[in-house]
Amino acid sequence: MSNSKFIVAAALLGVGVGFLLAPKKGKDLQRSILDSIDELGSEVVEFKAKILGIADNLKTKVDNTGDTIREKVEHVKDGFEDVKAVANDVKTIFS
């Protein structure tokens, strides 16, 4: 079970146990249950927003790292081309 599902299940279990241990009138109990569900729903929405934000930040970092690696690879390729040109010049001089 994933962590988020576990958290939600644990919260629901806690709410249920709380209601069983402190019984109320029918209407009061219904109101309490609905309030708890609303609160839990809000927490789930906030949690989802945080996760999406983290995922977006991670994607940006991965994209930026990929760009940096591509730039460095191009720089190394350019360096090899320069070395090849010098090697050809030296070969021409000594031929």
Protein backbone atom coordinates (compact mmCIF):
# COMPACT_ATOMS: atom_id res chain seq x y z
CA MET A 1 0.00 0.00 0.00
CA SER A 2 1.42 3.41 -0.89
CA ASN A 3 2.13 5.96 1.82
CA SER A 4 -0.71 8.27 0.78
CA LYS A 5 -3.25 5.43 0.80
CA PHE A 6 -1.96 4.34 4.18
CA ILE A 7 -2.32 7.86 5.58
CA VAL A 8 -5.89 8.16 4.28
CA ALA A 9 -6.82 4.71 5.60
CA ALA A 10 -5.30 5.48 9.00
CA ALA A 11 -7.17 8.80 9.16
CA LEU A 12 -10.47 7.14 8.30
CA LEU A 13 -9.86 4.41 10.84
CA GLY A 14 -9.09 7.02 13.50
CA VAL A 15 -12.28 8.92 12.70
CA GLY A 16 -14.33 5.73 12.86
CA VAL A 17 -12.85 4.66 16.20
CA GLY A 18 -13.42 8.14 17.56
CA PHE A 19 -17.09 8.02 16.65
CA LEU A 20 -17.53 4.59 18.18
CA LEU A 21 -15.93 5.63 21.46
CA ALA A 22 -17.85 8.90 21.77
CA PRO A 23 -21.36 8.24 20.48
CA LYS A 24 -23.64 11.18 19.69
CA LYS A 25 -27.20 11.72 18.57
CA GLY A 26 -27.92 10.70 14.97
CA LYS A 27 -27.91 14.24 13.52
CA ASP A 28 -24.85 15.28 15.52
CA LEU A 29 -23.02 12.13 14.43
CA GLN A 30 -23.92 12.72 10.78
CA ARG A 31 -22.70 16.33 11.00
CA SER A 32 -19.45 15.18 12.66
CA ILE A 33 -18.89 12.53 10.00
CA LEU A 34 -19.51 15.02 7.18
CA ASP A 35 -17.23 17.60 8.79
CA SER A 36 -14.49 15.00 9.19
CA ILE A 37 -14.88 13.89 5.57
CA ASP A 38 -14.71 17.53 4.40
CA GLU A 39 -11.58 18.11 6.47
CA LEU A 40 -9.96 14.92 5.19
CA GLY A 41 -10.87 15.86 1.62
CA SER A 42 -9.21 19.25 2.07
CA GLU A 43 -6.09 17.60 3.45
CA VAL A 44 -5.99 15.19 0.50
CA VAL A 45 -6.28 18.12 -1.94
CA GLU A 46 -3.45 19.96 -0.15
CA PHE A 47 -1.31 16.81 -0.12
CA LYS A 48 -1.93 16.27 -3.84
CA ALA A 49 -0.95 19.89 -4.58
CA LYS A 50 2.28 19.46 -2.60
CA ILE A 51 3.13 16.23 -4.44
CA LEU A 52 2.42 17.82 -7.83
CA GLY A 53 4.64 20.76 -6.87
CA ILE A 54 7.46 18.43 -5.85
CA ALA A 55 7.06 16.46 -9.09
CA ASP A 56 7.16 19.68 -11.14
CA ASN A 57 10.32 20.85 -9.34
CA LEU A 58 11.94 17.48 -9.89
CA LYS A 59 11.07 17.52 -13.60
CA THR A 60 12.57 21.01 -13.94
CA LYS A 61 15.77 19.90 -12.21
CA VAL A 62 16.04 16.80 -14.41
CA ASP A 63 15.47 18.89 -17.55
CA ASN A 64 18.09 21.42 -16.46
CA THR A 65 20.57 18.66 -15.65
CA GLY A 66 19.97 17.11 -19.07
CA ASP A 67 20.62 20.45 -20.75
CA THR A 68 23.85 20.89 -18.78
CA ILE A 69 25.03 17.40 -19.71
CA ARG A 70 24.26 18.03 -23.41
CA GLU A 71 26.22 21.29 -23.30
CA LYS A 72 29.22 19.57 -21.69
CA VAL A 73 29.13 16.74 -24.23
CA GLU A 74 29.13 19.29 -27.06
CA HIS A 75 32.07 21.07 -25.42
CA VAL A 76 33.99 17.78 -25.21
CA LYS A 77 33.17 17.01 -28.88
CA ASP A 78 34.46 20.44 -29.88
CA GLY A 79 37.64 19.74 -27.91
CA PHE A 80 38.14 16.44 -29.74
CA GLU A 81 37.67 18.20 -33.07
CA ASP A 82 40.36 20.71 -32.08
CA VAL A 83 42.71 17.90 -31.04
CA LYS A 84 42.08 16.09 -34.35
CA ALA A 85 42.86 19.27 -36.28
CA VAL A 86 46.12 19.78 -34.40
CA ALA A 87 47.04 16.12 -34.88
CA ASN A 88 46.44 16.46 -38.63
CA ASP A 89 48.60 19.60 -38.71
CA VAL A 90 51.40 17.80 -36.86
CA LYS A 91 51.07 14.80 -39.18
CA THR A 92 51.31 17.13 -42.22
CA ILE A 93 54.40 18.83 -40.82
CA PHE A 94 56.22 15.55 -40.23
CA SER A 95 55.15 13.88 -43.47
